[in-house]
Amino acid sequence: MKEFIKEKSVLAVVVLVSLMINSVASKYYTLPSNAIGKNGKILLGDYAKDGQFPYQVSLLIQGANNCSLVERSCGGSIIATNWVLTSAFCVTPGPLFDTVYFVYLGAGSVYYKKSPQRDIFNTTAIYPHENFNSETLENDIALLKTWGFDFSTKLVQPIPLVTSGTDMASYLGKYITVSGFGKFSIDGIASKKLLYTQLKVVECGDGTPDTSFCAVDEVGPVSAICDGDAGGPAVCILDGQATLIGVISYSDQNGCDAGPQGFTNVAQYIDWIQETMSSN
């Protein structure tokens, strides 16, 4: 994985990782006008350092489907003591998906079991957006409630949210940092170590709702999100502070590195996030 930071600021933060990543769900959808599909790796990214992304969560969702065990791995972000923000796509795969595990640790490896920060959390409740559309991926956002995280260490910390109603146009030209344990390619395997890269926010195609925004690697070799990264964080430096502005949602249906990457625009959902958290 290659880094192309340029003048971009890199966040300092920890890794919450999945207990295991056996298989990653992959499904393509088409959004209006720009033929973008759904993927869940950071393709050609860099390995994160221990404690670099303390808000990063990796989810393993297990459930039964037609008497078979089904597993899906996704990303997520800690935003409060017992709340994780992720993609609705990750937590609404159908009936009988009823367990989500969190594993967090102060290292960038899924299998670093000796870390004192490593732990597993089951969700106590799952709240996908009530208007999530699995075909268009509109409202691709969800909240997961847990028993609570220990913020006494700098290795596990929440990420501040963008201000409600922030104009999407204000992101244009800015760099975002994305991170995850996804695949190296659609046909590849999931990464055992946390990967990250930086993408530039660009205009989406016509018809893309203001609840989404797009970003792309303009430098090359192309770095991109891929299967297993869905639900993870898109973070931007705003007023000098690392701020969560997006949730990883989709990539090009022709391949992880074939076109713009799509993100749920968190600024459009601040009221929904606050109302969901306060009422539950």
Protein backbone atom coordinates (compact mmCIF):
# COMPACT_ATOMS: atom_id res chain seq x y z
CA MET A 1 0.00 0.00 0.00
CA LYS A 2 1.34 3.37 -1.03
CA GLU A 3 0.93 6.63 0.75
CA PHE A 4 0.32 9.94 -0.94
CA ILE A 5 -0.25 12.41 1.86
CA LYS A 6 1.07 15.59 0.20
CA GLU A 7 -0.02 18.47 2.40
CA LYS A 8 -2.74 16.39 3.98
CA SER A 9 -2.89 16.02 7.72
CA VAL A 10 -2.91 12.51 9.12
CA LEU A 11 -4.99 11.81 12.18
CA ALA A 12 -3.62 10.38 15.32
CA VAL A 13 -5.75 7.55 16.61
CA VAL A 14 -6.80 3.08 17.70
CA VAL A 15 -7.97 0.29 16.18
CA LEU A 16 -11.09 -1.57 16.91
CA VAL A 17 -10.96 -4.76 14.93
CA SER A 18 -12.97 -7.76 14.03
CA LEU A 19 -12.65 -11.03 15.86
CA MET A 20 -12.44 -12.80 12.54
CA ILE A 21 -13.06 -11.98 8.92
CA ASN A 22 -14.08 -15.18 7.19
CA SER A 23 -16.10 -13.73 4.37
CA VAL A 24 -17.18 -10.29 3.31
CA ALA A 25 -20.52 -9.55 1.78
CA SER A 26 -20.32 -7.84 -1.58
CA LYS A 27 -23.21 -6.48 -3.57
CA TYR A 28 -23.38 -3.92 -6.31
CA TYR A 29 -26.01 -1.26 -6.68
CA THR A 30 -26.41 1.55 -9.15
CA LEU A 31 -26.91 5.15 -8.17
CA PRO A 32 -28.39 7.70 -10.55
CA SER A 33 -26.18 9.05 -13.34
CA ASN A 34 -22.78 7.88 -12.16
CA ALA A 35 -23.10 4.09 -12.22
CA ILE A 36 -21.59 3.59 -8.80
CA GLY A 37 -21.99 0.27 -7.06
CA LYS A 38 -21.73 -1.10 -3.57
CA ASN A 39 -18.60 -2.59 -2.05
CA GLY A 40 -18.01 -3.03 1.45
CA LYS A 41 -10.21 -2.84 1.90
CA ILE A 42 -8.39 0.01 1.49
CA LEU A 43 -6.81 -0.69 -1.88
CA LEU A 44 -3.15 0.42 -2.03
CA GLY A 45 -3.32 2.13 1.34
CA ASP A 46 -0.79 2.26 4.19
CA TYR A 47 -0.63 0.24 7.37
CA ALA A 48 -1.79 2.22 10.38
CA LYS A 49 0.48 2.61 13.39
CA ASP A 50 -0.53 1.40 16.82
CA GLY A 51 -3.05 3.83 18.27
CA GLN A 52 -3.34 5.91 15.11
CA PHE A 53 -7.12 5.59 14.80
CA PRO A 54 -8.70 5.25 18.26
CA TYR A 55 -12.26 5.64 16.95
CA GLN A 56 -11.91 2.85 14.37
CA VAL A 57 -14.17 -0.15 14.83
CA SER A 58 -14.29 -3.37 12.86
CA LEU A 59 -17.52 -5.33 13.03
CA LEU A 60 -18.16 -9.00 12.54
CA ILE A 61 -21.86 -9.65 12.01
CA GLN A 62 -22.97 -13.26 12.33
CA GLY A 63 -26.38 -14.75 11.70
CA ALA A 64 -28.28 -17.69 10.30
CA ASN A 65 -29.73 -17.71 6.82
CA ASN A 66 -31.49 -20.86 5.59
CA CYS A 67 -29.83 -22.85 8.37
CA SER A 68 -26.37 -21.64 7.31
CA LEU A 69 -24.01 -19.40 9.24
CA VAL A 70 -23.55 -16.12 7.42
CA GLU A 71 -20.87 -13.59 8.29
CA ARG A 72 -20.20 -10.06 7.16
CA SER A 73 -17.36 -7.75 8.16
CA CYS A 74 -17.65 -3.97 8.13
CA GLY A 75 -16.19 -0.87 9.72
CA GLY A 76 -17.55 1.70 12.14
CA SER A 77 -16.66 4.72 14.28
CA ILE A 78 -16.99 5.31 18.03
CA ILE A 79 -18.90 8.56 18.48
CA ALA A 80 -19.93 8.30 22.16
CA THR A 81 -19.44 6.15 25.25
CA ASN A 82 -21.73 3.38 24.04
CA TRP A 83 -22.49 4.31 20.44
CA VAL A 84 -20.95 3.32 17.11
CA LEU A 85 -21.85 4.87 13.75
CA THR A 86 -21.79 2.59 10.72
CA SER A 87 -23.55 1.76 7.44
CA ALA A 88 -27.17 0.60 7.32
CA PHE A 89 -26.11 -1.81 4.58
CA CYS A 90 -23.92 -3.61 7.12
CA VAL A 91 -26.66 -4.24 9.66
CA THR A 92 -29.72 -4.87 7.50
CA PRO A 93 -28.79 -8.00 5.55
CA GLY A 94 -32.08 -9.72 6.28
CA PRO A 95 -33.71 -11.80 9.00
CA LEU A 96 -31.75 -13.72 11.61
CA PHE A 97 -28.68 -11.51 11.50
CA ASP A 98 -28.67 -10.90 15.20
CA THR A 99 -25.14 -10.69 16.59
CA VAL A 100 -22.47 -8.05 16.11
CA TYR A 101 -19.05 -8.31 17.75
CA PHE A 102 -16.55 -5.55 18.31
CA VAL A 103 -12.90 -6.18 19.03
CA TYR A 104 -10.75 -3.23 19.89
CA LEU A 105 -7.06 -3.08 20.56
CA GLY A 106 -4.18 -0.70 20.74
CA ALA A 107 -2.52 -2.08 17.63
CA GLY A 108 -3.13 -2.18 13.91
CA SER A 109 -3.53 -5.94 13.66
CA VAL A 110 -6.63 -8.10 13.84
CA TYR A 111 -4.71 -10.91 15.47
CA TYR A 112 -2.70 -9.00 18.06
CA LYS A 113 -4.39 -10.82 20.93
CA LYS A 114 -1.95 -9.83 23.69
CA SER A 115 -2.89 -6.17 23.56
CA PRO A 116 -4.37 -4.97 26.88
CA GLN A 117 -6.80 -2.82 24.89
CA ARG A 118 -8.29 -5.73 22.99
CA ASP A 119 -11.87 -6.52 23.90
CA ILE A 120 -15.10 -7.80 22.41
CA PHE A 121 -18.42 -5.98 22.63
CA ASN A 122 -21.83 -7.28 21.69
CA THR A 123 -24.40 -4.74 20.63
CA THR A 124 -27.41 -4.18 22.85
CA ALA A 125 -29.42 -2.57 20.04
CA ILE A 126 -29.13 -1.84 16.32
CA TYR A 127 -30.76 1.20 14.69
CA PRO A 128 -30.49 1.38 10.89
CA HIS A 129 -32.01 4.49 9.36
CA GLU A 130 -35.71 3.87 8.92
CA ASN A 131 -35.62 5.14 5.32
CA PHE A 132 -32.57 3.20 4.16
CA ASN A 133 -32.95 2.09 0.55
CA SER A 134 -30.85 -0.99 -0.24
CA GLU A 135 -31.12 -0.38 -3.98
CA THR A 136 -30.11 3.28 -4.17
CA LEU A 137 -28.14 3.27 -0.89
CA GLU A 138 -29.83 6.47 0.23
CA ASN A 139 -29.81 6.95 4.00
CA ASP A 140 -27.00 4.41 4.35
CA ILE A 141 -26.36 5.03 8.02
CA ALA A 142 -26.96 3.16 11.27
CA LEU A 143 -26.26 3.38 14.99
CA LEU A 144 -25.15 0.48 17.18
CA LYS A 145 -25.51 0.63 20.94
CA THR A 146 -23.11 -1.27 23.22
CA TRP A 147 -22.50 -1.61 26.94
CA GLY A 148 -19.91 1.17 26.72
CA PHE A 149 -16.25 1.82 25.96
CA ASP A 150 -13.43 2.71 28.31
CA PHE A 151 -11.99 6.08 27.30
CA SER A 152 -9.34 6.12 30.06
CA THR A 153 -6.71 5.30 27.45
CA LYS A 154 -5.82 7.45 24.45
CA LEU A 155 -5.95 4.30 22.36
CA VAL A 156 -9.74 4.23 22.50
CA GLN A 157 -11.47 7.56 21.91
CA PRO A 158 -14.60 8.87 20.15
CA ILE A 159 -14.40 10.99 17.00
CA PRO A 160 -16.20 14.37 16.90
CA LEU A 161 -19.02 14.72 14.38
CA VAL A 162 -19.30 17.41 11.74
CA THR A 163 -21.69 20.29 12.44
CA SER A 164 -25.29 19.70 11.37
CA GLY A 165 -26.19 21.05 7.94
CA THR A 166 -22.62 21.71 6.82
CA ASP A 167 -22.74 22.47 3.09
CA MET A 168 -21.36 19.58 1.07
CA ALA A 169 -19.71 22.08 -1.28
CA SER A 170 -17.41 23.08 1.56
CA TYR A 171 -15.78 19.63 1.35
CA LEU A 172 -14.78 19.98 -2.29
CA GLY A 173 -11.03 19.85 -2.76
CA LYS A 174 -10.40 18.73 0.81
CA TYR A 175 -8.70 15.46 1.69
CA ILE A 176 -10.35 12.82 3.79
CA THR A 177 -8.70 9.92 5.60
CA VAL A 178 -10.41 6.55 5.28
CA SER A 179 -9.41 3.38 7.13
CA GLY A 180 -10.44 -0.25 7.33
CA PHE A 181 -9.61 -3.96 7.24
CA GLY A 182 -11.17 -4.62 3.86
CA LYS A 183 -9.93 -6.64 0.91
CA PHE A 184 -6.88 -5.83 -1.19
CA SER A 185 -9.05 -6.41 -4.25
CA ILE A 186 -12.56 -7.68 -4.97
CA ASP A 187 -11.19 -11.18 -5.49
CA GLY A 188 -8.54 -10.86 -2.79
CA ILE A 189 -8.46 -11.47 0.94
CA ALA A 190 -9.21 -9.14 3.83
CA SER A 191 -6.30 -7.36 5.47
CA LYS A 192 -5.11 -8.60 8.86
CA LYS A 193 -3.82 -5.12 9.61
CA LEU A 194 -5.60 -1.79 9.61
CA LEU A 195 -5.04 0.13 6.40
CA TYR A 196 -5.67 3.78 5.62
CA THR A 197 -5.36 6.20 2.77
CA GLN A 198 -6.38 9.71 1.80
CA LEU A 199 -8.77 10.69 -0.94
CA LYS A 200 -9.79 14.04 -2.41
CA VAL A 201 -13.44 15.11 -2.25
CA VAL A 202 -14.82 15.70 -5.75
CA GLU A 203 -18.13 16.39 -7.45
CA CYS A 204 -20.44 13.38 -7.74
CA GLY A 205 -22.41 12.58 -10.87
CA ASP A 206 -25.73 14.23 -11.60
CA GLY A 207 -28.58 12.89 -9.54
CA THR A 208 -26.51 11.94 -6.50
CA PRO A 209 -28.48 13.06 -3.44
CA ASP A 210 -27.04 15.63 -1.02
CA THR A 211 -27.03 12.87 1.57
CA SER A 212 -23.92 11.52 -0.18
CA PHE A 213 -20.56 12.88 -1.31
CA CYS A 214 -17.74 11.45 -3.43
CA ALA A 215 -13.96 11.22 -3.18
CA VAL A 216 -11.20 9.78 -5.35
CA ASP A 217 -7.45 9.22 -5.49
CA GLU A 218 -6.15 11.69 -8.07
CA VAL A 219 -2.49 10.78 -7.64
CA GLY A 220 -2.05 7.05 -8.31
CA PRO A 221 -1.39 4.26 -8.12
CA VAL A 222 -5.09 4.33 -7.34
CA SER A 223 -6.00 3.81 -3.71
CA ALA A 224 -9.60 3.09 -2.81
CA ILE A 225 -12.08 1.54 -0.43
CA CYS A 226 -13.11 -2.04 -1.11
CA ASP A 227 -15.06 -5.02 0.34
CA GLY A 228 -15.05 -4.98 4.13
CA ASP A 229 -14.56 -1.22 4.53
CA ALA A 230 -18.25 -0.26 4.36
CA GLY A 231 -19.45 1.54 7.47
CA GLY A 232 -16.00 2.82 8.32
CA PRO A 233 -14.91 6.42 8.92
CA ALA A 234 -14.24 9.24 6.48
CA VAL A 235 -12.43 11.90 8.49
CA CYS A 236 -11.46 15.43 7.50
CA ILE A 237 -9.45 18.11 9.29
CA LEU A 238 -11.91 20.94 9.91
CA ASP A 239 -10.77 23.99 11.88
CA GLY A 240 -7.70 22.06 12.95
CA GLN A 241 -9.63 19.10 14.36
CA ALA A 242 -10.10 15.58 13.00
CA THR A 243 -13.84 15.37 12.33
CA LEU A 244 -16.08 12.55 11.12
CA ILE A 245 -17.81 13.81 7.98
CA GLY A 246 -18.68 10.57 6.22
CA VAL A 247 -19.50 6.88 6.47
CA ILE A 248 -17.97 4.61 3.82
CA SER A 249 -20.85 3.53 1.61
CA TYR A 250 -20.02 2.43 -1.95
CA SER A 251 -17.41 2.15 -4.69
CA ASP A 252 -17.56 1.67 -8.44
CA GLN A 253 -19.40 -1.39 -9.69
CA ASN A 254 -16.58 -2.04 -12.18
CA GLY A 255 -14.01 -2.48 -9.42
CA CYS A 256 -12.79 -0.89 -6.21
CA ASP A 257 -10.36 1.35 -8.08
CA ALA A 258 -12.50 2.06 -11.14
CA GLY A 259 -14.14 5.30 -10.13
CA PRO A 260 -15.31 7.64 -7.37
CA GLN A 261 -15.88 6.38 -3.86
CA GLY A 262 -19.20 7.21 -2.20
CA PHE A 263 -19.82 8.27 1.39
CA THR A 264 -22.88 9.01 3.48
CA ASN A 265 -22.85 12.71 4.33
CA VAL A 266 -22.97 12.71 8.14
CA ALA A 267 -23.85 16.43 8.31
CA GLN A 268 -27.29 15.58 6.91
CA TYR A 269 -27.98 13.12 9.73
CA ILE A 270 -26.88 14.91 12.89
CA ASP A 271 -30.47 15.44 14.05
CA TRP A 272 -31.30 11.77 13.39
CA ILE A 273 -28.17 10.66 15.28
CA GLN A 274 -28.92 12.86 18.27
CA GLU A 275 -32.59 11.91 18.41
CA THR A 276 -31.83 8.19 18.13
CA MET A 277 -29.21 8.32 20.85
CA SER A 278 -31.28 10.46 23.23
CA SER A 279 -34.41 8.33 22.89
CA ASN A 280 -32.64 5.01 23.34
